[in-house]
Amino acid sequence: MVEQITPEGFAAWTQAAGAQGTAPLLLDVREPAEWRAASVAPQGCELLQMPMHTVPARLAELDRDRPVAVLCHHGGRSMQVAMFLRQHGFERVANVAGGIDAWSRQLDPSVPRY
């Protein structure tokens, strides 16, 4: 099962995940044009932009022992990637429910909506 975290709960998730000794990763699986339209760089974690279609080929770049939260536009692609990661041995995986759109609506209205 993949944990669902809201943008409002992301800071608490990051703090809890980071308490285990490794800074969590926010994996943004949107396309480059989407990153240019809107992006976030929350404190307490590392941001890695990796389009969804590249994740299988780049899986070795990710640390299975590191907490990973996956982000997309509305939460669908990120959920698919989060489930893929779980199937490949990643135990601490969360989906950012509602994606960057919810991030803008719930947490930071300065993040552009598209």
PDB file of N, CA and C in Angstrom:
ATOM      1  N   MET A   1       0.837  -1.187   0.000  1.00  0.00           N
ATOM      2  CA  MET A   1       0.000   0.000   0.000  1.00  0.00           C
ATOM      3  C   MET A   1       0.880   1.247   0.000  1.00  0.00           C
ATOM      4  N   VAL A   2       0.461   2.231  -0.736  1.00  0.00           N
ATOM      5  CA  VAL A   2       1.200   3.482  -0.841  1.00  0.00           C
ATOM      6  C   VAL A   2       0.537   4.531   0.053  1.00  0.00           C
ATOM      7  N   GLU A   3       1.341   5.135   0.903  1.00  0.00           N
ATOM      8  CA  GLU A   3       0.853   6.193   1.778  1.00  0.00           C
ATOM      9  C   GLU A   3       0.442   7.405   0.945  1.00  0.00           C
ATOM     10  N   GLN A   4      -0.672   8.021   1.319  1.00  0.00           N
ATOM     11  CA  GLN A   4      -1.134   9.245   0.670  1.00  0.00           C
ATOM     12  C   GLN A   4      -0.869  10.411   1.618  1.00  0.00           C
ATOM     13  N   ILE A   5      -0.179  11.436   1.125  1.00  0.00           N
ATOM     14  CA  ILE A   5       0.037  12.625   1.947  1.00  0.00           C
ATOM     15  C   ILE A   5      -0.500  13.833   1.191  1.00  0.00           C
ATOM     16  N   THR A   6      -1.113  14.712   1.912  1.00  0.00           N
ATOM     17  CA  THR A   6      -1.593  15.949   1.305  1.00  0.00           C
ATOM     18  C   THR A   6      -0.446  16.950   1.270  1.00  0.00           C
ATOM     19  N   PRO A   7      -0.541  17.944   0.420  1.00  0.00           N
ATOM     20  CA  PRO A   7       0.476  18.997   0.456  1.00  0.00           C
ATOM     21  C   PRO A   7       0.586  19.628   1.849  1.00  0.00           C
ATOM     22  N   GLU A   8      -0.549  19.785   2.528  1.00  0.00           N
ATOM     23  CA  GLU A   8      -0.529  20.363   3.871  1.00  0.00           C
ATOM     24  C   GLU A   8       0.207  19.466   4.862  1.00  0.00           C
ATOM     25  N   GLY A   9       0.196  18.163   4.621  1.00  0.00           N
ATOM     26  CA  GLY A   9       0.871  17.222   5.508  1.00  0.00           C
ATOM     27  C   GLY A   9       2.293  16.900   5.093  1.00  0.00           C
ATOM     28  N   PHE A  10       2.745  17.511   4.005  1.00  0.00           N
ATOM     29  CA  PHE A  10       4.065  17.178   3.470  1.00  0.00           C
ATOM     30  C   PHE A  10       5.190  17.531   4.435  1.00  0.00           C
ATOM     31  N   ALA A  11       5.115  18.675   5.080  1.00  0.00           N
ATOM     32  CA  ALA A  11       6.187  19.088   6.009  1.00  0.00           C
ATOM     33  C   ALA A  11       6.314  18.095   7.159  1.00  0.00           C
ATOM     34  N   ALA A  12       5.193  17.644   7.700  1.00  0.00           N
ATOM     35  CA  ALA A  12       5.235  16.671   8.796  1.00  0.00           C
ATOM     36  C   ALA A  12       5.801  15.345   8.299  1.00  0.00           C
ATOM     37  N   TRP A  13       5.413  14.926   7.090  1.00  0.00           N
ATOM     38  CA  TRP A  13       5.945  13.686   6.515  1.00  0.00           C
ATOM     39  C   TRP A  13       7.460  13.810   6.323  1.00  0.00           C
ATOM     40  N   THR A  14       7.901  14.945   5.806  1.00  0.00           N
ATOM     41  CA  THR A  14       9.332  15.173   5.586  1.00  0.00           C
ATOM     42  C   THR A  14      10.094  15.109   6.901  1.00  0.00           C
ATOM     43  N   GLN A  15       9.552  15.742   7.919  1.00  0.00           N
ATOM     44  CA  GLN A  15      10.222  15.744   9.219  1.00  0.00           C
ATOM     45  C   GLN A  15      10.300  14.331   9.786  1.00  0.00           C
ATOM     46  N   ALA A  16       9.223  13.583   9.726  1.00  0.00           N
ATOM     47  CA  ALA A  16       9.209  12.212  10.239  1.00  0.00           C
ATOM     48  C   ALA A  16      10.140  11.318   9.430  1.00  0.00           C
ATOM     49  N   ALA A  17      10.102  11.456   8.107  1.00  0.00           N
ATOM     50  CA  ALA A  17      10.957  10.638   7.248  1.00  0.00           C
ATOM     51  C   ALA A  17      12.422  10.992   7.454  1.00  0.00           C
ATOM     52  N   GLY A  18      12.720  12.269   7.613  1.00  0.00           N
ATOM     53  CA  GLY A  18      14.096  12.718   7.813  1.00  0.00           C
ATOM     54  C   GLY A  18      14.659  12.344   9.172  1.00  0.00           C
ATOM     55  N   ALA A  19      13.774  12.087  10.140  1.00  0.00           N
ATOM     56  CA  ALA A  19      14.221  11.708  11.476  1.00  0.00           C
ATOM     57  C   ALA A  19      14.932  10.362  11.468  1.00  0.00           C
ATOM     58  N   GLN A  20      14.779   9.616  10.403  1.00  0.00           N
ATOM     59  CA  GLN A  20      15.416   8.309  10.301  1.00  0.00           C
ATOM     60  C   GLN A  20      16.845   8.428   9.785  1.00  0.00           C
ATOM     61  N   GLY A  21      17.324   9.645   9.569  1.00  0.00           N
ATOM     62  CA  GLY A  21      18.727   9.858   9.252  1.00  0.00           C
ATOM     63  C   GLY A  21      19.046  10.228   7.820  1.00  0.00           C
ATOM     64  N   THR A  22      18.099  10.089   6.915  1.00  0.00           N
ATOM     65  CA  THR A  22      18.340  10.417   5.513  1.00  0.00           C
ATOM     66  C   THR A  22      17.299  11.426   5.049  1.00  0.00           C
ATOM     67  N   ALA A  23      17.742  12.497   4.416  1.00  0.00           N
ATOM     68  CA  ALA A  23      16.794  13.477   3.895  1.00  0.00           C
ATOM     69  C   ALA A  23      15.916  12.810   2.841  1.00  0.00           C
ATOM     70  N   PRO A  24      14.600  12.967   2.942  1.00  0.00           N
ATOM     71  CA  PRO A  24      13.717  12.352   1.958  1.00  0.00           C
ATOM     72  C   PRO A  24      13.870  12.985   0.584  1.00  0.00           C
ATOM     73  N   LEU A  25      13.360  12.283  -0.404  1.00  0.00           N
ATOM     74  CA  LEU A  25      13.414  12.717  -1.789  1.00  0.00           C
ATOM     75  C   LEU A  25      12.009  13.057  -2.253  1.00  0.00           C
ATOM     76  N   LEU A  26      11.852  14.206  -2.889  1.00  0.00           N
ATOM     77  CA  LEU A  26      10.612  14.538  -3.584  1.00  0.00           C
ATOM     78  C   LEU A  26      10.874  14.275  -5.058  1.00  0.00           C
ATOM     79  N   LEU A  27      10.246  13.247  -5.590  1.00  0.00           N
ATOM     80  CA  LEU A  27      10.426  12.834  -6.976  1.00  0.00           C
ATOM     81  C   LEU A  27       9.294  13.414  -7.808  1.00  0.00           C
ATOM     82  N   ASP A  28       9.617  14.398  -8.625  1.00  0.00           N
ATOM     83  CA  ASP A  28       8.637  15.064  -9.491  1.00  0.00           C
ATOM     84  C   ASP A  28       8.647  14.360 -10.840  1.00  0.00           C
ATOM     85  N   VAL A  29       7.560  13.654 -11.156  1.00  0.00           N
ATOM     86  CA  VAL A  29       7.516  12.823 -12.369  1.00  0.00           C
ATOM     87  C   VAL A  29       6.784  13.505 -13.525  1.00  0.00           C
ATOM     88  N   ARG A  30       6.606  14.820 -13.439  1.00  0.00           N
ATOM     89  CA  ARG A  30       5.975  15.547 -14.545  1.00  0.00           C
ATOM     90  C   ARG A  30       6.982  15.745 -15.679  1.00  0.00           C
ATOM     91  N   GLU A  31       6.509  16.286 -16.773  1.00  0.00           N
ATOM     92  CA  GLU A  31       7.340  16.551 -17.947  1.00  0.00           C
ATOM     93  C   GLU A  31       8.061  17.897 -17.796  1.00  0.00           C
ATOM     94  N   PRO A  32       9.188  18.086 -18.511  1.00  0.00           N
ATOM     95  CA  PRO A  32       9.950  19.338 -18.389  1.00  0.00           C
ATOM     96  C   PRO A  32       9.115  20.602 -18.602  1.00  0.00           C
ATOM     97  N   ALA A  33       8.202  20.600 -19.531  1.00  0.00           N
ATOM     98  CA  ALA A  33       7.367  21.791 -19.745  1.00  0.00           C
ATOM     99  C   ALA A  33       6.525  22.093 -18.506  1.00  0.00           C
ATOM    100  N   GLU A  34       6.099  21.040 -17.817  1.00  0.00           N
ATOM    101  CA  GLU A  34       5.322  21.232 -16.597  1.00  0.00           C
ATOM    102  C   GLU A  34       6.196  21.801 -15.480  1.00  0.00           C
ATOM    103  N   TRP A  35       7.447  21.341 -15.408  1.00  0.00           N
ATOM    104  CA  TRP A  35       8.363  21.885 -14.396  1.00  0.00           C
ATOM    105  C   TRP A  35       8.564  23.372 -14.618  1.00  0.00           C
ATOM    106  N   ARG A  36       8.676  23.750 -15.890  1.00  0.00           N
ATOM    107  CA  ARG A  36       8.877  25.169 -16.196  1.00  0.00           C
ATOM    108  C   ARG A  36       7.639  25.985 -15.847  1.00  0.00           C
ATOM    109  N   ALA A  37       6.461  25.392 -15.973  1.00  0.00           N
ATOM    110  CA  ALA A  37       5.214  26.100 -15.664  1.00  0.00           C
ATOM    111  C   ALA A  37       5.053  26.321 -14.164  1.00  0.00           C
ATOM    112  N   ALA A  38       5.431  25.314 -13.377  1.00  0.00           N
ATOM    113  CA  ALA A  38       5.267  25.401 -11.921  1.00  0.00           C
ATOM    114  C   ALA A  38       6.156  24.374 -11.258  1.00  0.00           C
ATOM    115  N   SER A  39       6.785  24.776 -10.176  1.00  0.00           N
ATOM    116  CA  SER A  39       7.630  23.840  -9.448  1.00  0.00           C
ATOM    117  C   SER A  39       7.656  24.227  -7.979  1.00  0.00           C
ATOM    118  N   VAL A  40       8.056  23.277  -7.154  1.00  0.00           N
ATOM    119  CA  VAL A  40       8.203  23.520  -5.728  1.00  0.00           C
ATOM    120  C   VAL A  40       9.574  23.011  -5.299  1.00  0.00           C
ATOM    121  N   ALA A  41      10.095  23.585  -4.259  1.00  0.00           N
ATOM    122  CA  ALA A  41      11.371  23.145  -3.684  1.00  0.00           C
ATOM    123  C   ALA A  41      11.239  23.219  -2.170  1.00  0.00           C
ATOM    124  N   PRO A  42      10.470  22.300  -1.587  1.00  0.00           N
ATOM    125  CA  PRO A  42      10.229  22.360  -0.147  1.00  0.00           C
ATOM    126  C   PRO A  42      11.480  22.099   0.673  1.00  0.00           C
ATOM    127  N   GLN A  43      11.540  22.723   1.825  1.00  0.00           N
ATOM    128  CA  GLN A  43      12.681  22.550   2.720  1.00  0.00           C
ATOM    129  C   GLN A  43      12.644  21.163   3.341  1.00  0.00           C
ATOM    130  N   GLY A  44      13.807  20.645   3.652  1.00  0.00           N
ATOM    131  CA  GLY A  44      13.905  19.379   4.345  1.00  0.00           C
ATOM    132  C   GLY A  44      13.967  18.160   3.465  1.00  0.00           C
ATOM    133  N   CYS A  45      13.992  18.377   2.156  1.00  0.00           N
ATOM    134  CA  CYS A  45      14.088  17.231   1.251  1.00  0.00           C
ATOM    135  C   CYS A  45      14.823  17.663  -0.016  1.00  0.00           C
ATOM    136  N   GLU A  46      15.243  16.680  -0.767  1.00  0.00           N
ATOM    137  CA  GLU A  46      15.876  16.924  -2.064  1.00  0.00           C
ATOM    138  C   GLU A  46      14.823  16.761  -3.154  1.00  0.00           C
ATOM    139  N   LEU A  47      14.850  17.620  -4.147  1.00  0.00           N
ATOM    140  CA  LEU A  47      13.950  17.536  -5.292  1.00  0.00           C
ATOM    141  C   LEU A  47      14.697  16.889  -6.451  1.00  0.00           C
ATOM    142  N   LEU A  48      14.075  15.892  -7.069  1.00  0.00           N
ATOM    143  CA  LEU A  48      14.614  15.266  -8.273  1.00  0.00           C
ATOM    144  C   LEU A  48      13.507  15.235  -9.307  1.00  0.00           C
ATOM    145  N   GLN A  49      13.777  15.822 -10.453  1.00  0.00           N
ATOM    146  CA  GLN A  49      12.813  15.831 -11.545  1.00  0.00           C
ATOM    147  C   GLN A  49      13.162  14.703 -12.505  1.00  0.00           C
ATOM    148  N   MET A  50      12.212  13.766 -12.674  1.00  0.00           N
ATOM    149  CA  MET A  50      12.418  12.587 -13.495  1.00  0.00           C
ATOM    150  C   MET A  50      11.081  12.252 -14.161  1.00  0.00           C
ATOM    151  N   PRO A  51      10.917  12.571 -15.442  1.00  0.00           N
ATOM    152  CA  PRO A  51       9.633  12.282 -16.089  1.00  0.00           C
ATOM    153  C   PRO A  51       9.214  10.821 -15.902  1.00  0.00           C
ATOM    154  N   MET A  52       7.928  10.619 -15.749  1.00  0.00           N
ATOM    155  CA  MET A  52       7.389   9.297 -15.467  1.00  0.00           C
ATOM    156  C   MET A  52       7.931   8.226 -16.414  1.00  0.00           C
ATOM    157  N   HIS A  53       7.975   8.509 -17.697  1.00  0.00           N
ATOM    158  CA  HIS A  53       8.378   7.491 -18.671  1.00  0.00           C
ATOM    159  C   HIS A  53       9.854   7.107 -18.545  1.00  0.00           C
ATOM    160  N   THR A  54      10.649   7.904 -17.828  1.00  0.00           N
ATOM    161  CA  THR A  54      12.069   7.595 -17.675  1.00  0.00           C
ATOM    162  C   THR A  54      12.384   6.817 -16.392  1.00  0.00           C
ATOM    163  N   VAL A  55      11.417   6.710 -15.499  1.00  0.00           N
ATOM    164  CA  VAL A  55      11.672   6.084 -14.198  1.00  0.00           C
ATOM    165  C   VAL A  55      12.182   4.644 -14.334  1.00  0.00           C
ATOM    166  N   PRO A  56      11.557   3.772 -15.141  1.00  0.00           N
ATOM    167  CA  PRO A  56      12.080   2.404 -15.207  1.00  0.00           C
ATOM    168  C   PRO A  56      13.553   2.340 -15.634  1.00  0.00           C
ATOM    169  N   ALA A  57      13.938   3.126 -16.615  1.00  0.00           N
ATOM    170  CA  ALA A  57      15.320   3.106 -17.096  1.00  0.00           C
ATOM    171  C   ALA A  57      16.288   3.741 -16.101  1.00  0.00           C
ATOM    172  N   ARG A  58      15.783   4.627 -15.245  1.00  0.00           N
ATOM    173  CA  ARG A  58      16.641   5.344 -14.305  1.00  0.00           C
ATOM    174  C   ARG A  58      16.497   4.848 -12.868  1.00  0.00           C
ATOM    175  N   LEU A  59      15.839   3.722 -12.691  1.00  0.00           N
ATOM    176  CA  LEU A  59      15.553   3.201 -11.359  1.00  0.00           C
ATOM    177  C   LEU A  59      16.812   3.069 -10.502  1.00  0.00           C
ATOM    178  N   ALA A  60      17.919   2.697 -11.114  1.00  0.00           N
ATOM    179  CA  ALA A  60      19.172   2.515 -10.367  1.00  0.00           C
ATOM    180  C   ALA A  60      19.692   3.819  -9.758  1.00  0.00           C
ATOM    181  N   GLU A  61      19.196   4.963 -10.226  1.00  0.00           N
ATOM    182  CA  GLU A  61      19.614   6.253  -9.668  1.00  0.00           C
ATOM    183  C   GLU A  61      18.968   6.527  -8.309  1.00  0.00           C
ATOM    184  N   LEU A  62      17.950   5.756  -7.970  1.00  0.00           N
ATOM    185  CA  LEU A  62      17.197   5.989  -6.743  1.00  0.00           C
ATOM    186  C   LEU A  62      17.638   5.019  -5.651  1.00  0.00           C
ATOM    187  N   ASP A  63      17.699   5.516  -4.432  1.00  0.00           N
ATOM    188  CA  ASP A  63      18.110   4.733  -3.272  1.00  0.00           C
ATOM    189  C   ASP A  63      16.876   4.088  -2.642  1.00  0.00           C
ATOM    190  N   ARG A  64      16.820   2.766  -2.647  1.00  0.00           N
ATOM    191  CA  ARG A  64      15.669   2.041  -2.104  1.00  0.00           C
ATOM    192  C   ARG A  64      15.480   2.260  -0.607  1.00  0.00           C
ATOM    193  N   ASP A  65      16.532   2.687   0.087  1.00  0.00           N
ATOM    194  CA  ASP A  65      16.441   2.901   1.529  1.00  0.00           C
ATOM    195  C   ASP A  65      16.035   4.326   1.905  1.00  0.00           C
ATOM    196  N   ARG A  66      15.864   5.169   0.923  1.00  0.00           N
ATOM    197  CA  ARG A  66      15.545   6.574   1.170  1.00  0.00           C
ATOM    198  C   ARG A  66      14.032   6.785   1.063  1.00  0.00           C
ATOM    199  N   PRO A  67      13.440   7.553   1.980  1.00  0.00           N
ATOM    200  CA  PRO A  67      12.017   7.867   1.839  1.00  0.00           C
ATOM    201  C   PRO A  67      11.789   8.695   0.571  1.00  0.00           C
ATOM    202  N   VAL A  68      10.756   8.340  -0.185  1.00  0.00           N
ATOM    203  CA  VAL A  68      10.458   9.014  -1.449  1.00  0.00           C
ATOM    204  C   VAL A  68       8.990   9.441  -1.458  1.00  0.00           C
ATOM    205  N   ALA A  69       8.741  10.705  -1.743  1.00  0.00           N
ATOM    206  CA  ALA A  69       7.392  11.195  -2.013  1.00  0.00           C
ATOM    207  C   ALA A  69       7.347  11.522  -3.499  1.00  0.00           C
ATOM    208  N   VAL A  70       6.297  11.089  -4.166  1.00  0.00           N
ATOM    209  CA  VAL A  70       6.189  11.260  -5.615  1.00  0.00           C
ATOM    210  C   VAL A  70       5.123  12.314  -5.909  1.00  0.00           C
ATOM    211  N   LEU A  71       5.446  13.212  -6.831  1.00  0.00           N
ATOM    212  CA  LEU A  71       4.598  14.359  -7.164  1.00  0.00           C
ATOM    213  C   LEU A  71       4.358  14.429  -8.665  1.00  0.00           C
ATOM    214  N   CYS A  72       3.125  14.747  -9.060  1.00  0.00           N
ATOM    215  CA  CYS A  72       2.821  15.036 -10.465  1.00  0.00           C
ATOM    216  C   CYS A  72       1.829  16.205 -10.490  1.00  0.00           C
ATOM    217  N   HIS A  73       1.037  16.303 -11.547  1.00  0.00           N
ATOM    218  CA  HIS A  73       0.107  17.418 -11.675  1.00  0.00           C
ATOM    219  C   HIS A  73      -1.103  17.271 -10.750  1.00  0.00           C
ATOM    220  N   HIS A  74      -1.788  16.116 -10.827  1.00  0.00           N
ATOM    221  CA  HIS A  74      -2.990  15.908 -10.015  1.00  0.00           C
ATOM    222  C   HIS A  74      -2.925  14.672  -9.122  1.00  0.00           C
ATOM    223  N   GLY A  75      -1.899  13.869  -9.215  1.00  0.00           N
ATOM    224  CA  GLY A  75      -1.758  12.719  -8.334  1.00  0.00           C
ATOM    225  C   GLY A  75      -1.893  11.359  -8.997  1.00  0.00           C
ATOM    226  N   GLY A  76      -2.305  11.308 -10.257  1.00  0.00           N
ATOM    227  CA  GLY A  76      -2.474  10.032 -10.949  1.00  0.00           C
ATOM    228  C   GLY A  76      -1.160   9.397 -11.376  1.00  0.00           C
ATOM    229  N   ARG A  77      -0.349  10.155 -12.081  1.00  0.00           N
ATOM    230  CA  ARG A  77       0.953   9.627 -12.514  1.00  0.00           C
ATOM    231  C   ARG A  77       1.829   9.302 -11.315  1.00  0.00           C
ATOM    232  N   SER A  78       1.808  10.182 -10.328  1.00  0.00           N
ATOM    233  CA  SER A  78       2.647   9.950  -9.150  1.00  0.00           C
ATOM    234  C   SER A  78       2.218   8.687  -8.421  1.00  0.00           C
ATOM    235  N   MET A  79       0.927   8.397  -8.386  1.00  0.00           N
ATOM    236  CA  MET A  79       0.459   7.171  -7.743  1.00  0.00           C
ATOM    237  C   MET A  79       0.964   5.946  -8.503  1.00  0.00           C
ATOM    238  N   GLN A  80       0.936   6.005  -9.820  1.00  0.00           N
ATOM    239  CA  GLN A  80       1.447   4.882 -10.625  1.00  0.00           C
ATOM    240  C   GLN A  80       2.935   4.670 -10.365  1.00  0.00           C
ATOM    241  N   VAL A  81       3.700   5.749 -10.319  1.00  0.00           N
ATOM    242  CA  VAL A  81       5.138   5.635 -10.057  1.00  0.00           C
ATOM    243  C   VAL A  81       5.377   5.134  -8.637  1.00  0.00           C
ATOM    244  N   ALA A  82       4.616   5.634  -7.674  1.00  0.00           N
ATOM    245  CA  ALA A  82       4.777   5.180  -6.292  1.00  0.00           C
ATOM    246  C   ALA A  82       4.514   3.678  -6.195  1.00  0.00           C
ATOM    247  N   MET A  83       3.485   3.181  -6.864  1.00  0.00           N
ATOM    248  CA  MET A  83       3.205   1.738  -6.844  1.00  0.00           C
ATOM    249  C   MET A  83       4.327   0.965  -7.533  1.00  0.00           C
ATOM    250  N   PHE A  84       4.859   1.505  -8.628  1.00  0.00           N
ATOM    251  CA  PHE A  84       5.986   0.877  -9.321  1.00  0.00           C
ATOM    252  C   PHE A  84       7.189   0.773  -8.382  1.00  0.00           C
ATOM    253  N   LEU A  85       7.473   1.850  -7.672  1.00  0.00           N
ATOM    254  CA  LEU A  85       8.602   1.838  -6.741  1.00  0.00           C
ATOM    255  C   LEU A  85       8.389   0.795  -5.641  1.00  0.00           C
ATOM    256  N   ARG A  86       7.181   0.722  -5.096  1.00  0.00           N
ATOM    257  CA  ARG A  86       6.883  -0.293  -4.070  1.00  0.00           C
ATOM    258  C   ARG A  86       7.128  -1.700  -4.623  1.00  0.00           C
ATOM    259  N   GLN A  87       6.715  -1.923  -5.858  1.00  0.00           N
ATOM    260  CA  GLN A  87       6.899  -3.242  -6.478  1.00  0.00           C
ATOM    261  C   GLN A  87       8.364  -3.568  -6.700  1.00  0.00           C
ATOM    262  N   HIS A  88       9.214  -2.551  -6.691  1.00  0.00           N
ATOM    263  CA  HIS A  88      10.641  -2.753  -6.919  1.00  0.00           C
ATOM    264  C   HIS A  88      11.467  -2.557  -5.650  1.00  0.00           C
ATOM    265  N   GLY A  89      10.856  -2.793  -4.503  1.00  0.00           N
ATOM    266  CA  GLY A  89      11.605  -2.847  -3.264  1.00  0.00           C
ATOM    267  C   GLY A  89      11.734  -1.575  -2.461  1.00  0.00           C
ATOM    268  N   PHE A  90      11.080  -0.512  -2.880  1.00  0.00           N
ATOM    269  CA  PHE A  90      11.101   0.734  -2.108  1.00  0.00           C
ATOM    270  C   PHE A  90      10.013   0.624  -1.040  1.00  0.00           C
ATOM    271  N   GLU A  91      10.404   0.728   0.221  1.00  0.00           N
ATOM    272  CA  GLU A  91       9.439   0.533   1.295  1.00  0.00           C
ATOM    273  C   GLU A  91       8.821   1.826   1.805  1.00  0.00           C
ATOM    274  N   ARG A  92       9.579   2.899   1.767  1.00  0.00           N
ATOM    275  CA  ARG A  92       9.073   4.180   2.297  1.00  0.00           C
ATOM    276  C   ARG A  92       8.726   5.102   1.139  1.00  0.00           C
ATOM    277  N   VAL A  93       7.529   4.874   0.575  1.00  0.00           N
ATOM    278  CA  VAL A  93       7.069   5.625  -0.595  1.00  0.00           C
ATOM    279  C   VAL A  93       5.717   6.253  -0.269  1.00  0.00           C
ATOM    280  N   ALA A  94       5.562   7.512  -0.658  1.00  0.00           N
ATOM    281  CA  ALA A  94       4.296   8.208  -0.465  1.00  0.00           C
ATOM    282  C   ALA A  94       3.917   8.916  -1.757  1.00  0.00           C
ATOM    283  N   ASN A  95       2.620   9.062  -1.954  1.00  0.00           N
ATOM    284  CA  ASN A  95       2.093   9.810  -3.084  1.00  0.00           C
ATOM    285  C   ASN A  95       1.583  11.150  -2.567  1.00  0.00           C
ATOM    286  N   VAL A  96       1.942  12.240  -3.248  1.00  0.00           N
ATOM    287  CA  VAL A  96       1.417  13.553  -2.885  1.00  0.00           C
ATOM    288  C   VAL A  96       0.040  13.671  -3.531  1.00  0.00           C
ATOM    289  N   ALA A  97      -0.988  13.454  -2.732  1.00  0.00           N
ATOM    290  CA  ALA A  97      -2.366  13.435  -3.209  1.00  0.00           C
ATOM    291  C   ALA A  97      -2.762  14.798  -3.769  1.00  0.00           C
ATOM    292  N   GLY A  98      -3.298  14.792  -4.961  1.00  0.00           N
ATOM    293  CA  GLY A  98      -3.729  16.035  -5.594  1.00  0.00           C
ATOM    294  C   GLY A  98      -2.643  16.750  -6.366  1.00  0.00           C
ATOM    295  N   GLY A  99      -1.395  16.301  -6.205  1.00  0.00           N
ATOM    296  CA  GLY A  99      -0.278  16.827  -6.986  1.00  0.00           C
ATOM    297  C   GLY A  99       0.022  18.291  -6.738  1.00  0.00           C
ATOM    298  N   ILE A 100       0.719  18.859  -7.709  1.00  0.00           N
ATOM    299  CA  ILE A 100       1.144  20.258  -7.580  1.00  0.00           C
ATOM    300  C   ILE A 100      -0.049  21.209  -7.652  1.00  0.00           C
ATOM    301  N   ASP A 101      -1.133  20.755  -8.289  1.00  0.00           N
ATOM    302  CA  ASP A 101      -2.334  21.579  -8.329  1.00  0.00           C
ATOM    303  C   ASP A 101      -2.889  21.754  -6.914  1.00  0.00           C
ATOM    304  N   ALA A 102      -2.971  20.664  -6.158  1.00  0.00           N
ATOM    305  CA  ALA A 102      -3.430  20.755  -4.766  1.00  0.00           C
ATOM    306  C   ALA A 102      -2.430  21.543  -3.924  1.00  0.00           C
ATOM    307  N   TRP A 103      -1.131  21.401  -4.241  1.00  0.00           N
ATOM    308  CA  TRP A 103      -0.098  22.152  -3.519  1.00  0.00           C
ATOM    309  C   TRP A 103      -0.404  23.651  -3.629  1.00  0.00           C
ATOM    310  N   SER A 104      -0.737  24.089  -4.832  1.00  0.00           N
ATOM    311  CA  SER A 104      -1.049  25.498  -5.055  1.00  0.00           C
ATOM    312  C   SER A 104      -2.325  25.904  -4.325  1.00  0.00           C
ATOM    313  N   ARG A 105      -3.357  25.064  -4.411  1.00  0.00           N
ATOM    314  CA  ARG A 105      -4.649  25.394  -3.795  1.00  0.00           C
ATOM    315  C   ARG A 105      -4.602  25.329  -2.270  1.00  0.00           C
ATOM    316  N   GLN A 106      -3.906  24.345  -1.712  1.00  0.00           N
ATOM    317  CA  GLN A 106      -3.951  24.110  -0.268  1.00  0.00           C
ATOM    318  C   GLN A 106      -2.819  24.765   0.516  1.00  0.00           C
ATOM    319  N   LEU A 107      -1.666  24.894  -0.112  1.00  0.00           N
ATOM    320  CA  LEU A 107      -0.475  25.238   0.663  1.00  0.00           C
ATOM    321  C   LEU A 107       0.219  26.531   0.225  1.00  0.00           C
ATOM    322  N   ASP A 108       0.386  26.708  -1.063  1.00  0.00           N
ATOM    323  CA  ASP A 108       1.178  27.836  -1.545  1.00  0.00           C
ATOM    324  C   ASP A 108       0.581  28.409  -2.832  1.00  0.00           C
ATOM    325  N   PRO A 109      -0.276  29.402  -2.714  1.00  0.00           N
ATOM    326  CA  PRO A 109      -0.930  29.961  -3.901  1.00  0.00           C
ATOM    327  C   PRO A 109       0.022  30.681  -4.857  1.00  0.00           C
ATOM    328  N   SER A 110       1.284  30.858  -4.434  1.00  0.00           N
ATOM    329  CA  SER A 110       2.250  31.468  -5.361  1.00  0.00           C
ATOM    330  C   SER A 110       2.715  30.465  -6.423  1.00  0.00           C
ATOM    331  N   VAL A 111       2.452  29.179  -6.205  1.00  0.00           N
ATOM    332  CA  VAL A 111       2.785  28.159  -7.213  1.00  0.00           C
ATOM    333  C   VAL A 111       1.730  28.250  -8.310  1.00  0.00           C
ATOM    334  N   PRO A 112       2.150  28.548  -9.544  1.00  0.00           N
ATOM    335  CA  PRO A 112       1.164  28.701 -10.619  1.00  0.00           C
ATOM    336  C   PRO A 112       0.365  27.422 -10.871  1.00  0.00           C
ATOM    337  N   ARG A 113      -0.899  27.614 -11.204  1.00  0.00           N
ATOM    338  CA  ARG A 113      -1.751  26.491 -11.606  1.00  0.00           C
ATOM    339  C   ARG A 113      -1.820  26.467 -13.127  1.00  0.00           C
ATOM    340  N   TYR A 114      -1.865  25.292 -13.684  1.00  0.00           N
ATOM    341  CA  TYR A 114      -1.946  25.161 -15.146  1.00  0.00           C
ATOM    342  C   TYR A 114      -2.880  24.046 -15.524  1.00  0.00           C
TER     343      TYR A 114
END
